[in-house]
Amino acid sequence: MFGDLSGMMGKLQEAQQRIEDTKKRLDTVLIDESSANGSVKVTVTANKHVKSISIAEELTDKEEIEDYLIIALNKALSKANDISEHELAIAAKDGMPNIPGMDMFK
């Protein structure tokens, strides 16, 4: 009925390994972003871990720093999310067995 069940299980395990490998690789993908004026810069990984934050010395207003930090982090995390989703979808799709009627990744 389902063909080679052990073959499908092997493919699922391969898919899981590809996903895990992709997650590890995404830790090495760095995304740099900054506020509009460049006074706050952030670096995050594609797995959405903050690696660094740089604040220009001329910024002294706490609220201004917070606003610029939010802007830069949201931009970087949005890009990280897009990259992560795309890469993990590819890893999952490439490793999935062909099960009739289960076209989850069109």
N, C-alpha and C. Protein backbone atom coordinates (compact mmCIF):
# COMPACT_ATOMS: atom_id res chain seq x y z
N MET A 1 0.82 -1.19 0.00
CA MET A 1 0.00 0.00 0.00
C MET A 1 0.87 1.26 0.00
N PHE A 2 1.87 1.32 0.87
CA PHE A 2 2.71 2.50 0.95
C PHE A 2 4.08 2.29 0.30
N GLY A 3 4.24 1.21 -0.44
CA GLY A 3 5.53 0.96 -1.07
C GLY A 3 6.56 0.54 -0.05
N ASP A 4 7.76 0.99 -0.24
CA ASP A 4 8.88 0.63 0.62
C ASP A 4 8.88 1.51 1.87
N LEU A 5 8.24 1.01 2.94
CA LEU A 5 8.11 1.77 4.18
C LEU A 5 9.47 2.08 4.80
N SER A 6 10.38 1.11 4.76
CA SER A 6 11.70 1.36 5.35
C SER A 6 12.46 2.40 4.53
N GLY A 7 12.25 2.40 3.23
CA GLY A 7 12.88 3.42 2.37
C GLY A 7 12.36 4.81 2.70
N MET A 8 11.04 4.90 2.94
CA MET A 8 10.45 6.18 3.31
C MET A 8 10.98 6.65 4.66
N MET A 9 11.12 5.73 5.60
CA MET A 9 11.64 6.10 6.92
C MET A 9 13.08 6.61 6.79
N GLY A 10 13.84 5.96 5.94
CA GLY A 10 15.22 6.40 5.70
C GLY A 10 15.25 7.80 5.11
N LYS A 11 14.33 8.07 4.18
CA LYS A 11 14.25 9.40 3.57
C LYS A 11 13.85 10.45 4.60
N LEU A 12 12.93 10.09 5.50
CA LEU A 12 12.53 11.03 6.54
C LEU A 12 13.69 11.34 7.48
N GLN A 13 14.48 10.32 7.80
CA GLN A 13 15.66 10.54 8.65
C GLN A 13 16.68 11.42 7.94
N GLU A 14 16.85 11.21 6.64
CA GLU A 14 17.75 12.05 5.86
C GLU A 14 17.25 13.50 5.85
N ALA A 15 15.93 13.67 5.70
CA ALA A 15 15.35 15.01 5.71
C ALA A 15 15.60 15.70 7.05
N GLN A 16 15.41 14.96 8.13
CA GLN A 16 15.66 15.52 9.46
C GLN A 16 17.12 15.92 9.61
N GLN A 17 18.03 15.10 9.10
CA GLN A 17 19.46 15.42 9.19
C GLN A 17 19.77 16.66 8.35
N ARG A 18 19.17 16.77 7.17
CA ARG A 18 19.38 17.96 6.34
C ARG A 18 18.90 19.21 7.06
N ILE A 19 17.76 19.11 7.72
CA ILE A 19 17.22 20.25 8.45
C ILE A 19 18.17 20.64 9.58
N GLU A 20 18.66 19.66 10.33
CA GLU A 20 19.59 19.94 11.42
C GLU A 20 20.89 20.56 10.90
N ASP A 21 21.40 20.03 9.78
CA ASP A 21 22.61 20.59 9.17
C ASP A 21 22.37 22.03 8.72
N THR A 22 21.20 22.28 8.16
CA THR A 22 20.86 23.63 7.71
C THR A 22 20.78 24.59 8.89
N LYS A 23 20.20 24.14 10.00
CA LYS A 23 20.12 24.99 11.20
C LYS A 23 21.52 25.36 11.69
N LYS A 24 22.43 24.39 11.68
CA LYS A 24 23.81 24.67 12.10
C LYS A 24 24.47 25.67 11.15
N ARG A 25 24.24 25.49 9.85
CA ARG A 25 24.83 26.39 8.87
C ARG A 25 24.27 27.80 9.02
N LEU A 26 22.98 27.90 9.36
CA LEU A 26 22.36 29.22 9.51
C LEU A 26 22.96 30.00 10.68
N ASP A 27 23.59 29.30 11.62
CA ASP A 27 24.29 30.00 12.69
C ASP A 27 25.51 30.75 12.18
N THR A 28 25.99 30.38 11.00
CA THR A 28 27.17 31.04 10.43
C THR A 28 26.79 32.14 9.44
N VAL A 29 25.51 32.24 9.10
CA VAL A 29 25.05 33.28 8.18
C VAL A 29 24.76 34.54 8.99
N LEU A 30 25.54 35.60 8.75
CA LEU A 30 25.40 36.84 9.50
C LEU A 30 24.65 37.89 8.69
N ILE A 31 23.76 38.59 9.36
CA ILE A 31 22.97 39.65 8.74
C ILE A 31 23.27 40.95 9.48
N ASP A 32 23.77 41.93 8.73
CA ASP A 32 24.07 43.24 9.30
C ASP A 32 22.97 44.21 8.90
N GLU A 33 22.50 44.97 9.86
CA GLU A 33 21.48 45.99 9.60
C GLU A 33 21.80 47.20 10.46
N SER A 34 21.22 48.32 10.06
CA SER A 34 21.42 49.54 10.83
C SER A 34 20.17 50.39 10.79
N SER A 35 20.11 51.35 11.71
CA SER A 35 19.01 52.31 11.69
C SER A 35 19.19 53.18 10.44
N ALA A 36 18.17 53.96 10.11
CA ALA A 36 18.19 54.75 8.88
C ALA A 36 19.41 55.66 8.80
N ASN A 37 19.83 56.23 9.90
CA ASN A 37 20.97 57.14 9.88
C ASN A 37 22.29 56.43 10.17
N GLY A 38 22.26 55.14 10.39
CA GLY A 38 23.47 54.36 10.62
C GLY A 38 24.07 54.50 12.00
N SER A 39 23.39 55.16 12.91
CA SER A 39 23.96 55.36 14.25
C SER A 39 23.85 54.14 15.14
N VAL A 40 22.98 53.21 14.80
CA VAL A 40 22.88 51.94 15.53
C VAL A 40 23.02 50.82 14.50
N LYS A 41 23.95 49.90 14.77
CA LYS A 41 24.18 48.77 13.87
C LYS A 41 24.06 47.48 14.66
N VAL A 42 23.45 46.49 14.04
CA VAL A 42 23.30 45.19 14.68
C VAL A 42 23.71 44.09 13.71
N THR A 43 24.17 42.99 14.29
CA THR A 43 24.47 41.79 13.51
C THR A 43 23.75 40.64 14.19
N VAL A 44 22.99 39.88 13.39
CA VAL A 44 22.29 38.70 13.89
C VAL A 44 22.61 37.54 12.97
N THR A 45 22.41 36.31 13.48
CA THR A 45 22.54 35.14 12.62
C THR A 45 21.20 34.86 11.96
N ALA A 46 21.21 34.03 10.95
CA ALA A 46 19.97 33.64 10.29
C ALA A 46 19.09 32.82 11.23
N ASN A 47 19.65 32.34 12.33
CA ASN A 47 18.87 31.66 13.37
C ASN A 47 18.36 32.64 14.42
N LYS A 48 18.49 33.92 14.13
CA LYS A 48 17.93 35.00 14.94
C LYS A 48 18.60 35.16 16.30
N HIS A 49 19.90 34.95 16.35
CA HIS A 49 20.68 35.21 17.55
C HIS A 49 21.45 36.51 17.35
N VAL A 50 21.35 37.42 18.29
CA VAL A 50 22.06 38.69 18.19
C VAL A 50 23.54 38.44 18.46
N LYS A 51 24.39 38.86 17.53
CA LYS A 51 25.83 38.67 17.68
C LYS A 51 26.52 39.95 18.14
N SER A 52 26.05 41.12 17.66
CA SER A 52 26.68 42.36 18.10
C SER A 52 25.72 43.53 17.92
N ILE A 53 25.97 44.55 18.73
CA ILE A 53 25.24 45.81 18.67
C ILE A 53 26.27 46.92 18.79
N SER A 54 26.19 47.89 17.90
CA SER A 54 27.10 49.02 17.93
C SER A 54 26.27 50.31 17.95
N ILE A 55 26.57 51.19 18.90
CA ILE A 55 25.84 52.44 19.04
C ILE A 55 26.84 53.58 18.91
N ALA A 56 26.58 54.51 18.01
CA ALA A 56 27.46 55.65 17.79
C ALA A 56 27.58 56.48 19.07
N GLU A 57 28.77 56.97 19.32
CA GLU A 57 29.02 57.72 20.55
C GLU A 57 28.19 59.00 20.65
N GLU A 58 27.85 59.59 19.51
CA GLU A 58 27.09 60.84 19.55
C GLU A 58 25.64 60.65 20.01
N LEU A 59 25.18 59.39 20.01
CA LEU A 59 23.83 59.13 20.52
C LEU A 59 23.88 59.09 22.05
N THR A 60 23.15 59.98 22.66
CA THR A 60 23.14 60.02 24.12
C THR A 60 21.74 59.94 24.69
N ASP A 61 20.74 60.18 23.84
CA ASP A 61 19.36 60.16 24.30
C ASP A 61 18.87 58.71 24.38
N LYS A 62 18.48 58.28 25.57
CA LYS A 62 18.06 56.90 25.80
C LYS A 62 16.92 56.49 24.88
N GLU A 63 15.90 57.33 24.76
CA GLU A 63 14.75 56.98 23.91
C GLU A 63 15.14 56.88 22.45
N GLU A 64 16.02 57.75 22.01
CA GLU A 64 16.49 57.72 20.62
C GLU A 64 17.26 56.42 20.36
N ILE A 65 18.12 56.05 21.29
CA ILE A 65 18.88 54.80 21.16
C ILE A 65 17.93 53.61 21.10
N GLU A 66 16.95 53.59 21.98
CA GLU A 66 15.98 52.49 21.99
C GLU A 66 15.22 52.41 20.67
N ASP A 67 14.77 53.56 20.16
CA ASP A 67 14.04 53.58 18.89
C ASP A 67 14.90 53.06 17.74
N TYR A 68 16.13 53.56 17.65
CA TYR A 68 17.02 53.10 16.58
C TYR A 68 17.36 51.63 16.72
N LEU A 69 17.52 51.17 17.95
CA LEU A 69 17.82 49.76 18.19
C LEU A 69 16.66 48.87 17.75
N ILE A 70 15.46 49.27 18.07
CA ILE A 70 14.27 48.51 17.65
C ILE A 70 14.19 48.44 16.14
N ILE A 71 14.42 49.58 15.47
CA ILE A 71 14.36 49.62 14.00
C ILE A 71 15.39 48.66 13.40
N ALA A 72 16.63 48.77 13.85
CA ALA A 72 17.70 47.94 13.29
C ALA A 72 17.48 46.46 13.58
N LEU A 73 17.08 46.13 14.79
CA LEU A 73 16.85 44.72 15.14
C LEU A 73 15.68 44.14 14.36
N ASN A 74 14.60 44.89 14.23
CA ASN A 74 13.45 44.38 13.47
C ASN A 74 13.80 44.13 12.01
N LYS A 75 14.58 45.02 11.41
CA LYS A 75 15.00 44.80 10.02
C LYS A 75 15.87 43.56 9.90
N ALA A 76 16.83 43.42 10.81
CA ALA A 76 17.74 42.27 10.76
C ALA A 76 17.00 40.97 11.03
N LEU A 77 16.11 40.97 12.02
CA LEU A 77 15.38 39.74 12.35
C LEU A 77 14.40 39.36 11.25
N SER A 78 13.84 40.34 10.58
CA SER A 78 12.95 40.04 9.45
C SER A 78 13.72 39.35 8.33
N LYS A 79 14.90 39.87 8.01
CA LYS A 79 15.73 39.24 6.98
C LYS A 79 16.16 37.84 7.42
N ALA A 80 16.54 37.71 8.70
CA ALA A 80 16.95 36.40 9.22
C ALA A 80 15.82 35.40 9.10
N ASN A 81 14.61 35.82 9.44
CA ASN A 81 13.45 34.94 9.34
C ASN A 81 13.21 34.49 7.91
N ASP A 82 13.30 35.42 6.96
CA ASP A 82 13.10 35.08 5.55
C ASP A 82 14.13 34.06 5.08
N ILE A 83 15.39 34.29 5.42
CA ILE A 83 16.46 33.37 5.02
C ILE A 83 16.25 32.00 5.66
N SER A 84 15.96 31.99 6.95
CA SER A 84 15.79 30.74 7.68
C SER A 84 14.62 29.93 7.11
N GLU A 85 13.49 30.57 6.92
CA GLU A 85 12.32 29.85 6.38
C GLU A 85 12.62 29.27 5.00
N HIS A 86 13.26 30.06 4.16
CA HIS A 86 13.57 29.62 2.80
C HIS A 86 14.51 28.41 2.82
N GLU A 87 15.60 28.52 3.58
CA GLU A 87 16.60 27.45 3.63
C GLU A 87 16.04 26.17 4.25
N LEU A 88 15.26 26.31 5.32
CA LEU A 88 14.69 25.11 5.96
C LEU A 88 13.64 24.45 5.07
N ALA A 89 12.88 25.25 4.34
CA ALA A 89 11.89 24.67 3.41
C ALA A 89 12.58 23.87 2.31
N ILE A 90 13.69 24.40 1.81
CA ILE A 90 14.45 23.67 0.79
C ILE A 90 14.99 22.37 1.36
N ALA A 91 15.56 22.43 2.56
CA ALA A 91 16.11 21.22 3.19
C ALA A 91 15.03 20.18 3.41
N ALA A 92 13.87 20.61 3.87
CA ALA A 92 12.78 19.67 4.14
C ALA A 92 12.24 19.08 2.84
N LYS A 93 12.05 19.92 1.84
CA LYS A 93 11.49 19.45 0.57
C LYS A 93 12.43 18.46 -0.12
N ASP A 94 13.72 18.77 -0.12
CA ASP A 94 14.69 17.91 -0.79
C ASP A 94 14.78 16.53 -0.16
N GLY A 95 14.48 16.41 1.12
CA GLY A 95 14.63 15.13 1.79
C GLY A 95 13.36 14.34 1.96
N MET A 96 12.23 14.91 1.59
CA MET A 96 10.97 14.22 1.82
C MET A 96 10.74 13.12 0.79
N PRO A 97 10.26 11.99 1.24
CA PRO A 97 9.92 10.92 0.29
C PRO A 97 8.69 11.32 -0.52
N ASN A 98 8.55 10.73 -1.67
CA ASN A 98 7.40 11.01 -2.52
C ASN A 98 6.23 10.12 -2.09
N ILE A 99 5.34 10.69 -1.29
CA ILE A 99 4.17 9.95 -0.80
C ILE A 99 2.96 10.47 -1.57
N PRO A 100 2.29 9.61 -2.33
CA PRO A 100 1.16 10.07 -3.12
C PRO A 100 0.10 10.77 -2.24
N GLY A 101 -0.34 11.94 -2.72
CA GLY A 101 -1.35 12.71 -2.01
C GLY A 101 -0.81 13.57 -0.89
N MET A 102 0.50 13.57 -0.70
CA MET A 102 1.12 14.34 0.39
C MET A 102 2.02 15.43 -0.18
N ASP A 103 1.52 16.23 -1.09
CA ASP A 103 2.29 17.30 -1.69
C ASP A 103 2.25 18.54 -0.80
N MET A 104 2.98 18.47 0.33
CA MET A 104 2.95 19.55 1.32
C MET A 104 3.82 20.74 0.89
N PHE A 105 4.80 20.52 0.04
CA PHE A 105 5.76 21.58 -0.27
C PHE A 105 5.69 21.98 -1.73
N LYS A 106 4.55 22.38 -2.20
CA LYS A 106 4.43 22.78 -3.60
C LYS A 106 5.00 24.15 -3.80
